[in-house]
Amino acid sequence: MSVLRDPSEWDPLDGEGLEPSVQHRVVRPAVQTLGQGCLVCPSCELPLLPLTISVTSALECPFCREVRPARHFLRLGKVDTPGNAISVRAKLPA
């Protein structure tokens, strides 16, 4: 955009109308919370301590030694104690 341009040269179809153009960017948080719950062994129902882990990573119950992906230990919407509460989060690409 030129400040000293003659108004007779303005062409509304060239993208440089009378109004200055402003690029819009969608701003959103890099991490979104999908849900809250707790980690519980699917075999023996033992609550597990919360930790930072991927839902596809293998997790082992310390009591019965059951090994499964972490998503099998996840119980969304159920929290037995505040110390056992976890948040399921998704990281968005930058």
PDB file of N, CA and C in Angstrom:
ATOM      1  N   MET A   1       0.848  -1.181   0.000  1.00  0.00           N
ATOM      2  CA  MET A   1       0.000   0.000   0.000  1.00  0.00           C
ATOM      3  C   MET A   1       0.883   1.229   0.000  1.00  0.00           C
ATOM      4  N   SER A   2       0.550   2.168  -0.850  1.00  0.00           N
ATOM      5  CA  SER A   2       1.313   3.403  -0.954  1.00  0.00           C
ATOM      6  C   SER A   2       0.468   4.547  -0.428  1.00  0.00           C
ATOM      7  N   VAL A   3       1.059   5.369   0.370  1.00  0.00           N
ATOM      8  CA  VAL A   3       0.326   6.496   0.946  1.00  0.00           C
ATOM      9  C   VAL A   3       0.125   7.604  -0.087  1.00  0.00           C
ATOM     10  N   LEU A   4       1.045   7.764  -1.019  1.00  0.00           N
ATOM     11  CA  LEU A   4       1.001   8.857  -1.957  1.00  0.00           C
ATOM     12  C   LEU A   4       0.402   8.468  -3.311  1.00  0.00           C
ATOM     13  N   ARG A   5      -0.288   7.331  -3.397  1.00  0.00           N
ATOM     14  CA  ARG A   5      -0.886   6.909  -4.657  1.00  0.00           C
ATOM     15  C   ARG A   5      -2.089   7.769  -5.012  1.00  0.00           C
ATOM     16  N   ASP A   6      -2.297   7.963  -6.285  1.00  0.00           N
ATOM     17  CA  ASP A   6      -3.427   8.728  -6.775  1.00  0.00           C
ATOM     18  C   ASP A   6      -4.693   7.864  -6.685  1.00  0.00           C
ATOM     19  N   PRO A   7      -5.780   8.369  -6.090  1.00  0.00           N
ATOM     20  CA  PRO A   7      -7.008   7.582  -5.961  1.00  0.00           C
ATOM     21  C   PRO A   7      -7.589   7.121  -7.273  1.00  0.00           C
ATOM     22  N   SER A   8      -7.270   7.781  -8.378  1.00  0.00           N
ATOM     23  CA  SER A   8      -7.800   7.349  -9.669  1.00  0.00           C
ATOM     24  C   SER A   8      -7.152   6.047 -10.141  1.00  0.00           C
ATOM     25  N   GLU A   9      -6.015   5.678  -9.544  1.00  0.00           N
ATOM     26  CA  GLU A   9      -5.333   4.442  -9.913  1.00  0.00           C
ATOM     27  C   GLU A   9      -5.826   3.237  -9.123  1.00  0.00           C
ATOM     28  N   TRP A  10      -6.677   3.440  -8.153  1.00  0.00           N
ATOM     29  CA  TRP A  10      -7.125   2.325  -7.321  1.00  0.00           C
ATOM     30  C   TRP A  10      -8.022   1.399  -8.114  1.00  0.00           C
ATOM     31  N   ASP A  11      -7.730   0.145  -8.057  1.00  0.00           N
ATOM     32  CA  ASP A  11      -8.540  -0.883  -8.714  1.00  0.00           C
ATOM     33  C   ASP A  11      -9.074  -1.807  -7.618  1.00  0.00           C
ATOM     34  N   PRO A  12     -10.406  -1.848  -7.411  1.00  0.00           N
ATOM     35  CA  PRO A  12     -10.943  -2.668  -6.322  1.00  0.00           C
ATOM     36  C   PRO A  12     -10.700  -4.161  -6.513  1.00  0.00           C
ATOM     37  N   LEU A  13     -10.338  -4.612  -7.700  1.00  0.00           N
ATOM     38  CA  LEU A  13     -10.128  -6.040  -7.947  1.00  0.00           C
ATOM     39  C   LEU A  13      -8.679  -6.472  -7.757  1.00  0.00           C
ATOM     40  N   ASP A  14      -7.764  -5.526  -7.533  1.00  0.00           N
ATOM     41  CA  ASP A  14      -6.358  -5.913  -7.413  1.00  0.00           C
ATOM     42  C   ASP A  14      -5.974  -6.267  -5.974  1.00  0.00           C
ATOM     43  N   GLY A  15      -6.922  -6.307  -5.057  1.00  0.00           N
ATOM     44  CA  GLY A  15      -6.621  -6.678  -3.682  1.00  0.00           C
ATOM     45  C   GLY A  15      -6.125  -5.536  -2.833  1.00  0.00           C
ATOM     46  N   GLU A  16      -5.988  -4.361  -3.405  1.00  0.00           N
ATOM     47  CA  GLU A  16      -5.526  -3.200  -2.651  1.00  0.00           C
ATOM     48  C   GLU A  16      -6.624  -2.145  -2.628  1.00  0.00           C
ATOM     49  N   GLY A  17      -7.774  -2.483  -2.123  1.00  0.00           N
ATOM     50  CA  GLY A  17      -8.894  -1.557  -2.098  1.00  0.00           C
ATOM     51  C   GLY A  17      -8.598  -0.336  -1.246  1.00  0.00           C
ATOM     52  N   LEU A  18      -9.609   0.368  -0.893  1.00  0.00           N
ATOM     53  CA  LEU A  18      -9.444   1.576  -0.090  1.00  0.00           C
ATOM     54  C   LEU A  18      -9.014   1.261   1.335  1.00  0.00           C
ATOM     55  N   GLU A  19      -9.370   0.084   1.820  1.00  0.00           N
ATOM     56  CA  GLU A  19      -9.032  -0.299   3.189  1.00  0.00           C
ATOM     57  C   GLU A  19      -7.703  -1.061   3.200  1.00  0.00           C
ATOM     58  N   PRO A  20      -6.874  -0.805   4.175  1.00  0.00           N
ATOM     59  CA  PRO A  20      -5.632  -1.588   4.267  1.00  0.00           C
ATOM     60  C   PRO A  20      -5.961  -3.040   4.623  1.00  0.00           C
ATOM     61  N   SER A  21      -5.247  -3.954   4.012  1.00  0.00           N
ATOM     62  CA  SER A  21      -5.522  -5.360   4.302  1.00  0.00           C
ATOM     63  C   SER A  21      -4.732  -5.798   5.527  1.00  0.00           C
ATOM     64  N   VAL A  22      -5.359  -6.618   6.331  1.00  0.00           N
ATOM     65  CA  VAL A  22      -4.753  -7.130   7.549  1.00  0.00           C
ATOM     66  C   VAL A  22      -4.834  -8.643   7.498  1.00  0.00           C
ATOM     67  N   GLN A  23      -3.696  -9.307   7.673  1.00  0.00           N
ATOM     68  CA  GLN A  23      -3.716 -10.757   7.702  1.00  0.00           C
ATOM     69  C   GLN A  23      -4.238 -11.224   9.054  1.00  0.00           C
ATOM     70  N   HIS A  24      -5.145 -12.190   9.015  1.00  0.00           N
ATOM     71  CA  HIS A  24      -5.710 -12.737  10.247  1.00  0.00           C
ATOM     72  C   HIS A  24      -5.069 -14.079  10.522  1.00  0.00           C
ATOM     73  N   ARG A  25      -4.684 -14.296  11.751  1.00  0.00           N
ATOM     74  CA  ARG A  25      -4.149 -15.583  12.183  1.00  0.00           C
ATOM     75  C   ARG A  25      -5.037 -16.132  13.277  1.00  0.00           C
ATOM     76  N   VAL A  26      -5.301 -17.405  13.192  1.00  0.00           N
ATOM     77  CA  VAL A  26      -6.068 -18.059  14.249  1.00  0.00           C
ATOM     78  C   VAL A  26      -5.091 -18.421  15.349  1.00  0.00           C
ATOM     79  N   VAL A  27      -5.348 -17.901  16.529  1.00  0.00           N
ATOM     80  CA  VAL A  27      -4.478 -18.159  17.668  1.00  0.00           C
ATOM     81  C   VAL A  27      -5.211 -19.114  18.597  1.00  0.00           C
ATOM     82  N   ARG A  28      -4.558 -20.218  18.917  1.00  0.00           N
ATOM     83  CA  ARG A  28      -5.143 -21.199  19.819  1.00  0.00           C
ATOM     84  C   ARG A  28      -4.037 -21.750  20.702  1.00  0.00           C
ATOM     85  N   PRO A  29      -4.408 -22.288  21.838  1.00  0.00           N
ATOM     86  CA  PRO A  29      -3.373 -22.828  22.717  1.00  0.00           C
ATOM     87  C   PRO A  29      -2.677 -24.030  22.077  1.00  0.00           C
ATOM     88  N   ALA A  30      -1.399 -24.205  22.389  1.00  0.00           N
ATOM     89  CA  ALA A  30      -0.631 -25.315  21.822  1.00  0.00           C
ATOM     90  C   ALA A  30      -1.021 -26.648  22.438  1.00  0.00           C
ATOM     91  N   VAL A  31      -1.626 -26.611  23.610  1.00  0.00           N
ATOM     92  CA  VAL A  31      -2.048 -27.837  24.290  1.00  0.00           C
ATOM     93  C   VAL A  31      -3.512 -27.690  24.664  1.00  0.00           C
ATOM     94  N   GLN A  32      -4.317 -28.679  24.317  1.00  0.00           N
ATOM     95  CA  GLN A  32      -5.735 -28.660  24.678  1.00  0.00           C
ATOM     96  C   GLN A  32      -6.050 -29.856  25.563  1.00  0.00           C
ATOM     97  N   THR A  33      -6.839 -29.635  26.612  1.00  0.00           N
ATOM     98  CA  THR A  33      -7.248 -30.717  27.504  1.00  0.00           C
ATOM     99  C   THR A  33      -8.482 -31.392  26.918  1.00  0.00           C
ATOM    100  N   LEU A  34      -8.382 -32.711  26.711  1.00  0.00           N
ATOM    101  CA  LEU A  34      -9.485 -33.481  26.143  1.00  0.00           C
ATOM    102  C   LEU A  34     -10.397 -34.065  27.212  1.00  0.00           C
ATOM    103  N   GLY A  35      -9.846 -34.357  28.367  1.00  0.00           N
ATOM    104  CA  GLY A  35     -10.652 -34.940  29.433  1.00  0.00           C
ATOM    105  C   GLY A  35      -9.837 -35.135  30.692  1.00  0.00           C
ATOM    106  N   GLN A  36     -10.531 -35.517  31.764  1.00  0.00           N
ATOM    107  CA  GLN A  36      -9.878 -35.779  33.045  1.00  0.00           C
ATOM    108  C   GLN A  36     -10.355 -37.115  33.572  1.00  0.00           C
ATOM    109  N   GLY A  37      -9.537 -37.744  34.353  1.00  0.00           N
ATOM    110  CA  GLY A  37      -9.889 -39.044  34.902  1.00  0.00           C
ATOM    111  C   GLY A  37      -8.794 -39.552  35.805  1.00  0.00           C
ATOM    112  N   CYS A  38      -8.562 -40.886  35.782  1.00  0.00           N
ATOM    113  CA  CYS A  38      -7.525 -41.491  36.600  1.00  0.00           C
ATOM    114  C   CYS A  38      -6.983 -42.723  35.886  1.00  0.00           C
ATOM    115  N   LEU A  39      -5.878 -43.262  36.415  1.00  0.00           N
ATOM    116  CA  LEU A  39      -5.285 -44.482  35.879  1.00  0.00           C
ATOM    117  C   LEU A  39      -5.608 -45.633  36.831  1.00  0.00           C
ATOM    118  N   VAL A  40      -6.219 -46.689  36.296  1.00  0.00           N
ATOM    119  CA  VAL A  40      -6.608 -47.855  37.095  1.00  0.00           C
ATOM    120  C   VAL A  40      -6.251 -49.102  36.293  1.00  0.00           C
ATOM    121  N   CYS A  41      -5.679 -50.105  36.974  1.00  0.00           N
ATOM    122  CA  CYS A  41      -5.326 -51.352  36.300  1.00  0.00           C
ATOM    123  C   CYS A  41      -6.605 -52.047  35.823  1.00  0.00           C
ATOM    124  N   PRO A  42      -6.670 -52.469  34.558  1.00  0.00           N
ATOM    125  CA  PRO A  42      -7.874 -53.127  34.052  1.00  0.00           C
ATOM    126  C   PRO A  42      -8.083 -54.528  34.642  1.00  0.00           C
ATOM    127  N   SER A  43      -7.034 -55.148  35.189  1.00  0.00           N
ATOM    128  CA  SER A  43      -7.168 -56.503  35.737  1.00  0.00           C
ATOM    129  C   SER A  43      -7.522 -56.519  37.216  1.00  0.00           C
ATOM    130  N   CYS A  44      -6.733 -55.791  38.019  1.00  0.00           N
ATOM    131  CA  CYS A  44      -6.936 -55.856  39.475  1.00  0.00           C
ATOM    132  C   CYS A  44      -7.586 -54.611  40.059  1.00  0.00           C
ATOM    133  N   GLU A  45      -7.882 -53.596  39.245  1.00  0.00           N
ATOM    134  CA  GLU A  45      -8.539 -52.348  39.669  1.00  0.00           C
ATOM    135  C   GLU A  45      -7.716 -51.534  40.673  1.00  0.00           C
ATOM    136  N   LEU A  46      -6.406 -51.704  40.665  1.00  0.00           N
ATOM    137  CA  LEU A  46      -5.530 -50.931  41.535  1.00  0.00           C
ATOM    138  C   LEU A  46      -5.310 -49.552  40.932  1.00  0.00           C
ATOM    139  N   PRO A  47      -5.557 -48.468  41.686  1.00  0.00           N
ATOM    140  CA  PRO A  47      -5.269 -47.112  41.167  1.00  0.00           C
ATOM    141  C   PRO A  47      -3.762 -46.924  41.026  1.00  0.00           C
ATOM    142  N   LEU A  48      -3.359 -46.287  39.952  1.00  0.00           N
ATOM    143  CA  LEU A  48      -1.947 -46.022  39.707  1.00  0.00           C
ATOM    144  C   LEU A  48      -1.656 -44.546  39.884  1.00  0.00           C
ATOM    145  N   LEU A  49      -0.409 -44.242  40.194  1.00  0.00           N
ATOM    146  CA  LEU A  49      -0.020 -42.844  40.360  1.00  0.00           C
ATOM    147  C   LEU A  49      -0.009 -42.148  39.008  1.00  0.00           C
ATOM    148  N   PRO A  50      -0.456 -40.891  38.972  1.00  0.00           N
ATOM    149  CA  PRO A  50      -0.449 -40.152  37.701  1.00  0.00           C
ATOM    150  C   PRO A  50       0.976 -39.861  37.251  1.00  0.00           C
ATOM    151  N   LEU A  51       1.169 -39.899  35.942  1.00  0.00           N
ATOM    152  CA  LEU A  51       2.466 -39.596  35.355  1.00  0.00           C
ATOM    153  C   LEU A  51       2.260 -39.067  33.943  1.00  0.00           C
ATOM    154  N   THR A  52       3.303 -38.471  33.400  1.00  0.00           N
ATOM    155  CA  THR A  52       3.236 -37.974  32.034  1.00  0.00           C
ATOM    156  C   THR A  52       3.670 -39.097  31.103  1.00  0.00           C
ATOM    157  N   ILE A  53       2.747 -39.548  30.267  1.00  0.00           N
ATOM    158  CA  ILE A  53       3.007 -40.682  29.386  1.00  0.00           C
ATOM    159  C   ILE A  53       2.106 -40.582  28.167  1.00  0.00           C
ATOM    160  N   SER A  54       2.544 -41.141  27.067  1.00  0.00           N
ATOM    161  CA  SER A  54       1.721 -41.201  25.865  1.00  0.00           C
ATOM    162  C   SER A  54       0.681 -42.313  26.035  1.00  0.00           C
ATOM    163  N   VAL A  55      -0.500 -42.143  25.451  1.00  0.00           N
ATOM    164  CA  VAL A  55      -1.550 -43.153  25.602  1.00  0.00           C
ATOM    165  C   VAL A  55      -1.204 -44.452  24.891  1.00  0.00           C
ATOM    166  N   THR A  56      -0.230 -44.435  23.989  1.00  0.00           N
ATOM    167  CA  THR A  56       0.167 -45.657  23.290  1.00  0.00           C
ATOM    168  C   THR A  56       1.364 -46.343  23.947  1.00  0.00           C
ATOM    169  N   SER A  57       1.981 -45.712  24.939  1.00  0.00           N
ATOM    170  CA  SER A  57       3.126 -46.309  25.616  1.00  0.00           C
ATOM    171  C   SER A  57       2.683 -47.460  26.502  1.00  0.00           C
ATOM    172  N   ALA A  58       3.571 -48.431  26.683  1.00  0.00           N
ATOM    173  CA  ALA A  58       3.267 -49.572  27.554  1.00  0.00           C
ATOM    174  C   ALA A  58       3.347 -49.144  29.014  1.00  0.00           C
ATOM    175  N   LEU A  59       2.431 -49.652  29.802  1.00  0.00           N
ATOM    176  CA  LEU A  59       2.365 -49.341  31.229  1.00  0.00           C
ATOM    177  C   LEU A  59       2.199 -50.658  31.974  1.00  0.00           C
ATOM    178  N   GLU A  60       2.872 -50.802  33.102  1.00  0.00           N
ATOM    179  CA  GLU A  60       2.812 -52.038  33.874  1.00  0.00           C
ATOM    180  C   GLU A  60       2.224 -51.777  35.253  1.00  0.00           C
ATOM    181  N   CYS A  61       1.289 -52.618  35.667  1.00  0.00           N
ATOM    182  CA  CYS A  61       0.713 -52.525  37.007  1.00  0.00           C
ATOM    183  C   CYS A  61       1.752 -53.026  38.012  1.00  0.00           C
ATOM    184  N   PRO A  62       2.030 -52.268  39.069  1.00  0.00           N
ATOM    185  CA  PRO A  62       3.032 -52.711  40.042  1.00  0.00           C
ATOM    186  C   PRO A  62       2.552 -53.885  40.916  1.00  0.00           C
ATOM    187  N   PHE A  63       1.257 -54.159  40.928  1.00  0.00           N
ATOM    188  CA  PHE A  63       0.728 -55.218  41.782  1.00  0.00           C
ATOM    189  C   PHE A  63       0.611 -56.553  41.031  1.00  0.00           C
ATOM    190  N   CYS A  64      -0.117 -56.582  39.919  1.00  0.00           N
ATOM    191  CA  CYS A  64      -0.356 -57.835  39.191  1.00  0.00           C
ATOM    192  C   CYS A  64       0.549 -58.007  37.973  1.00  0.00           C
ATOM    193  N   ARG A  65       1.383 -57.034  37.683  1.00  0.00           N
ATOM    194  CA  ARG A  65       2.327 -57.055  36.566  1.00  0.00           C
ATOM    195  C   ARG A  65       1.661 -57.108  35.192  1.00  0.00           C
ATOM    196  N   GLU A  66       0.428 -56.668  35.087  1.00  0.00           N
ATOM    197  CA  GLU A  66      -0.274 -56.586  33.808  1.00  0.00           C
ATOM    198  C   GLU A  66       0.384 -55.499  32.961  1.00  0.00           C
ATOM    199  N   VAL A  67       0.757 -55.829  31.727  1.00  0.00           N
ATOM    200  CA  VAL A  67       1.387 -54.867  30.818  1.00  0.00           C
ATOM    201  C   VAL A  67       0.443 -54.651  29.638  1.00  0.00           C
ATOM    202  N   ARG A  68       0.035 -53.400  29.462  1.00  0.00           N
ATOM    203  CA  ARG A  68      -0.862 -53.018  28.363  1.00  0.00           C
ATOM    204  C   ARG A  68      -0.543 -51.580  27.969  1.00  0.00           C
ATOM    205  N   PRO A  69      -1.078 -51.129  26.823  1.00  0.00           N
ATOM    206  CA  PRO A  69      -0.942 -49.706  26.493  1.00  0.00           C
ATOM    207  C   PRO A  69      -1.650 -48.846  27.555  1.00  0.00           C
ATOM    208  N   ALA A  70      -1.140 -47.659  27.758  1.00  0.00           N
ATOM    209  CA  ALA A  70      -1.667 -46.786  28.811  1.00  0.00           C
ATOM    210  C   ALA A  70      -3.150 -46.485  28.625  1.00  0.00           C
ATOM    211  N   ARG A  71      -3.656 -46.485  27.399  1.00  0.00           N
ATOM    212  CA  ARG A  71      -5.076 -46.184  27.174  1.00  0.00           C
ATOM    213  C   ARG A  71      -5.997 -47.213  27.830  1.00  0.00           C
ATOM    214  N   HIS A  72      -5.510 -48.440  28.069  1.00  0.00           N
ATOM    215  CA  HIS A  72      -6.320 -49.459  28.737  1.00  0.00           C
ATOM    216  C   HIS A  72      -6.435 -49.188  30.238  1.00  0.00           C
ATOM    217  N   PHE A  73      -5.499 -48.444  30.807  1.00  0.00           N
ATOM    218  CA  PHE A  73      -5.523 -48.097  32.221  1.00  0.00           C
ATOM    219  C   PHE A  73      -6.337 -46.823  32.487  1.00  0.00           C
ATOM    220  N   LEU A  74      -6.685 -46.110  31.449  1.00  0.00           N
ATOM    221  CA  LEU A  74      -7.351 -44.815  31.578  1.00  0.00           C
ATOM    222  C   LEU A  74      -8.838 -44.962  31.864  1.00  0.00           C
ATOM    223  N   ARG A  75      -9.314 -44.259  32.879  1.00  0.00           N
ATOM    224  CA  ARG A  75     -10.740 -44.191  33.218  1.00  0.00           C
ATOM    225  C   ARG A  75     -11.145 -42.722  33.190  1.00  0.00           C
ATOM    226  N   LEU A  76     -11.760 -42.301  32.094  1.00  0.00           N
ATOM    227  CA  LEU A  76     -12.164 -40.897  31.953  1.00  0.00           C
ATOM    228  C   LEU A  76     -13.393 -40.607  32.801  1.00  0.00           C
ATOM    229  N   GLY A  77     -13.420 -39.431  33.383  1.00  0.00           N
ATOM    230  CA  GLY A  77     -14.575 -38.990  34.157  1.00  0.00           C
ATOM    231  C   GLY A  77     -14.655 -39.570  35.556  1.00  0.00           C
ATOM    232  N   LYS A  78     -13.700 -40.396  35.962  1.00  0.00           N
ATOM    233  CA  LYS A  78     -13.701 -41.001  37.298  1.00  0.00           C
ATOM    234  C   LYS A  78     -12.410 -40.647  38.002  1.00  0.00           C
ATOM    235  N   VAL A  79     -12.534 -40.016  39.153  1.00  0.00           N
ATOM    236  CA  VAL A  79     -11.377 -39.675  39.976  1.00  0.00           C
ATOM    237  C   VAL A  79     -11.686 -40.128  41.386  1.00  0.00           C
ATOM    238  N   ASP A  80     -10.894 -41.066  41.933  1.00  0.00           N
ATOM    239  CA  ASP A  80     -11.174 -41.551  43.279  1.00  0.00           C
ATOM    240  C   ASP A  80     -10.585 -40.645  44.355  1.00  0.00           C
ATOM    241  N   THR A  81      -9.410 -40.065  44.120  1.00  0.00           N
ATOM    242  CA  THR A  81      -8.808 -39.104  45.043  1.00  0.00           C
ATOM    243  C   THR A  81      -8.181 -37.975  44.223  1.00  0.00           C
ATOM    244  N   PRO A  82      -8.046 -36.799  44.801  1.00  0.00           N
ATOM    245  CA  PRO A  82      -7.412 -35.698  44.058  1.00  0.00           C
ATOM    246  C   PRO A  82      -5.971 -36.010  43.660  1.00  0.00           C
ATOM    247  N   GLY A  83      -5.279 -36.849  44.440  1.00  0.00           N
ATOM    248  CA  GLY A  83      -3.898 -37.207  44.110  1.00  0.00           C
ATOM    249  C   GLY A  83      -3.790 -38.157  42.937  1.00  0.00           C
ATOM    250  N   ASN A  84      -4.895 -38.762  42.534  1.00  0.00           N
ATOM    251  CA  ASN A  84      -4.903 -39.719  41.423  1.00  0.00           C
ATOM    252  C   ASN A  84      -5.472 -39.103  40.143  1.00  0.00           C
ATOM    253  N   ALA A  85      -5.804 -37.847  40.162  1.00  0.00           N
ATOM    254  CA  ALA A  85      -6.410 -37.183  39.011  1.00  0.00           C
ATOM    255  C   ALA A  85      -5.380 -36.946  37.918  1.00  0.00           C
ATOM    256  N   ILE A  86      -5.781 -37.214  36.657  1.00  0.00           N
ATOM    257  CA  ILE A  86      -4.930 -36.940  35.505  1.00  0.00           C
ATOM    258  C   ILE A  86      -5.717 -36.143  34.474  1.00  0.00           C
ATOM    259  N   SER A  87      -5.008 -35.504  33.574  1.00  0.00           N
ATOM    260  CA  SER A  87      -5.608 -34.784  32.466  1.00  0.00           C
ATOM    261  C   SER A  87      -5.092 -35.381  31.175  1.00  0.00           C
ATOM    262  N   VAL A  88      -5.992 -35.641  30.243  1.00  0.00           N
ATOM    263  CA  VAL A  88      -5.612 -36.122  28.919  1.00  0.00           C
ATOM    264  C   VAL A  88      -5.497 -34.902  28.033  1.00  0.00           C
ATOM    265  N   ARG A  89      -4.298 -34.698  27.478  1.00  0.00           N
ATOM    266  CA  ARG A  89      -4.034 -33.497  26.687  1.00  0.00           C
ATOM    267  C   ARG A  89      -3.536 -33.870  25.306  1.00  0.00           C
ATOM    268  N   ALA A  90      -3.826 -33.010  24.359  1.00  0.00           N
ATOM    269  CA  ALA A  90      -3.351 -33.177  22.992  1.00  0.00           C
ATOM    270  C   ALA A  90      -2.477 -31.982  22.644  1.00  0.00           C
ATOM    271  N   LYS A  91      -1.306 -32.249  22.120  1.00  0.00           N
ATOM    272  CA  LYS A  91      -0.420 -31.185  21.655  1.00  0.00           C
ATOM    273  C   LYS A  91      -0.710 -30.948  20.187  1.00  0.00           C
ATOM    274  N   LEU A  92      -0.944 -29.705  19.845  1.00  0.00           N
ATOM    275  CA  LEU A  92      -1.207 -29.339  18.459  1.00  0.00           C
ATOM    276  C   LEU A  92       0.093 -28.970  17.766  1.00  0.00           C
ATOM    277  N   PRO A  93       0.196 -29.269  16.476  1.00  0.00           N
ATOM    278  CA  PRO A  93       1.432 -28.913  15.768  1.00  0.00           C
ATOM    279  C   PRO A  93       1.645 -27.414  15.738  1.00  0.00           C
ATOM    280  N   ALA A  94       2.897 -27.030  15.735  1.00  0.00           N
ATOM    281  CA  ALA A  94       3.236 -25.598  15.755  1.00  0.00           C
ATOM    282  C   ALA A  94       3.047 -24.969  14.408  1.00  0.00           C
TER     283      ALA A  94
END
